[in-house]
Amino acid sequence: MRASERQHSTASKFRVLYLGNDLEFIAALRQVLTEPDYRLVACSDREGAELFLKSDIRYDLMVIDFDWRGREGLELARLAQSLGHRKDMPIVMVAATKLNSSMKTLARKAGVTKSMTKTPDVGVVSEAIRQLIEMPREE
């Protein structure tokens, strides 16, 4: 193996931006989405979230916690979709309780790729994240 092939070996393969303040959920996600493959970046304030989205930092997927800001989280999804460098980034919305069909429709219109219910073991959520990030993107 040539040295140039290992140039980025310390960098995370995938970066996930989590917008929310559920510390237990963040800890559980970090247990299953482990470094060095995954880097989970958590943000719990709206202004910071906007800065992260507008920055040139690469994120492969965004998770919005509906319980954090409710419909305001959908505004951040719309912002992400309006930014050229974030337009194709998958967005997952998680909530403590199942979202009703009208809320799921609003989420889809805002650019949310998948809506899910948070579970204590985060297995279903982490598997969805892996599938959305690791599946080949159609050009």
Protein backbone atom coordinates (compact mmCIF):
# COMPACT_ATOMS: atom_id res chain seq x y z
CA MET A 1 0.00 0.00 0.00
CA ARG A 2 1.36 3.38 -0.98
CA ALA A 3 1.67 6.12 1.65
CA SER A 4 -0.69 8.41 -0.27
CA GLU A 5 -3.51 5.88 0.10
CA ARG A 6 -3.37 6.18 3.90
CA GLN A 7 -3.24 9.96 3.95
CA HIS A 8 -6.69 10.40 5.54
CA SER A 9 -6.64 7.37 7.85
CA THR A 10 -7.22 9.52 10.96
CA ALA A 11 -10.25 11.28 9.46
CA SER A 12 -13.75 9.91 9.96
CA LYS A 13 -15.25 8.14 7.01
CA PHE A 14 -18.73 9.61 7.67
CA ARG A 15 -19.84 12.75 9.53
CA VAL A 16 -23.32 12.94 11.06
CA LEU A 17 -24.79 16.23 12.31
CA TYR A 18 -27.31 15.77 15.15
CA LEU A 19 -29.54 18.73 15.99
CA GLY A 20 -31.09 18.21 19.39
CA ASN A 21 -30.46 18.02 23.11
CA ASP A 22 -31.29 14.43 24.11
CA LEU A 23 -28.07 13.48 25.89
CA GLU A 24 -29.09 9.83 26.34
CA PHE A 25 -29.87 9.51 22.64
CA ILE A 26 -26.55 11.14 21.69
CA ALA A 27 -24.66 8.77 24.00
CA ALA A 28 -26.49 5.76 22.60
CA LEU A 29 -25.77 6.84 19.00
CA ARG A 30 -22.11 7.31 19.83
CA GLN A 31 -22.03 3.74 21.17
CA VAL A 32 -23.16 2.31 17.83
CA LEU A 33 -21.79 4.85 15.35
CA THR A 34 -18.22 4.58 16.50
CA GLU A 35 -15.09 6.39 15.47
CA PRO A 36 -13.03 6.26 13.34
CA ASP A 37 -15.76 5.35 10.83
CA TYR A 38 -18.35 7.79 12.17
CA ARG A 39 -18.01 11.25 13.68
CA LEU A 40 -21.18 12.42 15.42
CA VAL A 41 -21.34 16.20 15.77
CA ALA A 42 -24.09 17.37 18.15
CA CYS A 43 -25.58 20.85 18.24
CA SER A 44 -28.29 21.99 20.64
CA ASP A 45 -28.92 25.61 19.64
CA ARG A 46 -30.54 26.97 16.51
CA GLU A 47 -27.92 29.63 15.76
CA GLY A 48 -25.14 27.04 15.97
CA ALA A 49 -27.14 24.69 13.77
CA GLU A 50 -27.47 27.37 11.10
CA LEU A 51 -23.72 28.04 11.26
CA PHE A 52 -22.93 24.33 10.92
CA LEU A 53 -25.26 24.03 7.91
CA LYS A 54 -23.91 27.12 6.17
CA SER A 55 -20.28 26.13 6.77
CA ASP A 56 -18.19 24.14 4.33
CA ILE A 57 -17.74 21.32 6.85
CA ARG A 58 -18.76 18.04 5.21
CA TYR A 59 -21.72 16.20 6.72
CA ASP A 60 -22.99 13.00 5.16
CA LEU A 61 -26.31 13.04 7.00
CA MET A 62 -28.28 15.22 9.41
CA VAL A 63 -30.48 13.96 12.25
CA ILE A 64 -33.08 16.39 13.58
CA ASP A 65 -34.68 15.58 16.93
CA PHE A 66 -38.32 16.67 16.65
CA ASP A 67 -38.63 16.82 20.44
CA TRP A 68 -35.90 19.50 20.50
CA ARG A 69 -37.66 22.27 18.56
CA GLY A 70 -40.74 20.73 16.98
CA ARG A 71 -41.69 22.33 13.69
CA GLU A 72 -38.74 24.69 13.98
CA GLY A 73 -36.57 21.69 13.14
CA LEU A 74 -38.37 21.51 9.80
CA GLU A 75 -37.17 25.05 9.07
CA LEU A 76 -33.61 23.80 9.50
CA ALA A 77 -34.35 20.94 7.11
CA ARG A 78 -35.64 23.49 4.59
CA LEU A 79 -32.51 25.59 5.10
CA ALA A 80 -30.31 22.56 4.42
CA GLN A 81 -32.25 21.80 1.25
CA SER A 82 -31.89 25.39 0.06
CA LEU A 83 -28.09 25.31 0.33
CA GLY A 84 -26.37 23.98 -2.79
CA HIS A 85 -23.74 22.02 -0.85
CA ARG A 86 -26.37 20.41 1.43
CA LYS A 87 -29.13 19.77 -1.11
CA ASP A 88 -28.37 16.04 -1.48
CA MET A 89 -27.63 15.39 2.20
CA PRO A 90 -30.08 12.84 3.67
CA ILE A 91 -32.07 14.12 6.64
CA VAL A 92 -33.53 11.85 9.32
CA MET A 93 -36.11 13.16 11.79
CA VAL A 94 -36.46 11.30 15.07
CA ALA A 95 -39.16 11.76 17.71
CA ALA A 96 -39.99 10.17 21.04
CA THR A 97 -43.47 9.28 19.78
CA LYS A 98 -44.65 8.27 16.35
CA LEU A 99 -45.34 11.25 14.08
CA ASN A 100 -48.85 11.45 12.64
CA SER A 101 -49.33 11.32 8.88
CA SER A 102 -49.78 15.08 8.45
CA MET A 103 -46.53 15.75 10.32
CA LYS A 104 -44.73 13.13 8.20
CA THR A 105 -46.04 14.88 5.09
CA LEU A 106 -44.79 18.25 6.35
CA ALA A 107 -41.42 16.67 7.12
CA ARG A 108 -41.15 15.18 3.62
CA LYS A 109 -42.02 18.54 2.05
CA ALA A 110 -39.29 20.16 4.17
CA GLY A 111 -36.74 17.70 2.78
CA VAL A 112 -36.71 15.02 5.48
CA THR A 113 -35.68 11.71 3.92
CA LYS A 114 -36.90 9.45 6.75
CA SER A 115 -38.94 9.93 9.94
CA MET A 116 -38.40 7.52 12.82
CA THR A 117 -39.33 6.92 16.44
CA LYS A 118 -36.46 7.01 18.94
CA THR A 119 -35.93 3.80 20.85
CA PRO A 120 -33.67 3.25 23.87
CA ASP A 121 -31.33 0.91 21.96
CA VAL A 122 -31.15 3.14 18.82
CA GLY A 123 -30.60 0.04 16.69
CA VAL A 124 -33.28 0.87 14.13
CA VAL A 125 -32.17 4.50 13.88
CA SER A 126 -28.49 3.63 13.53
CA GLU A 127 -29.24 1.04 10.86
CA ALA A 128 -31.27 3.60 8.89
CA ILE A 129 -28.40 6.08 9.19
CA ARG A 130 -25.92 3.49 7.93
CA GLN A 131 -28.13 2.58 4.99
CA LEU A 132 -28.70 6.19 3.96
CA ILE A 133 -25.03 7.11 4.22
CA GLU A 134 -23.44 3.99 2.82
CA MET A 135 -25.79 3.29 -0.07
CA PRO A 136 -24.38 4.32 -3.44
CA ARG A 137 -25.75 7.67 -4.53
CA GLU A 138 -27.24 7.95 -7.97
CA GLU A 139 -25.58 10.68 -10.00
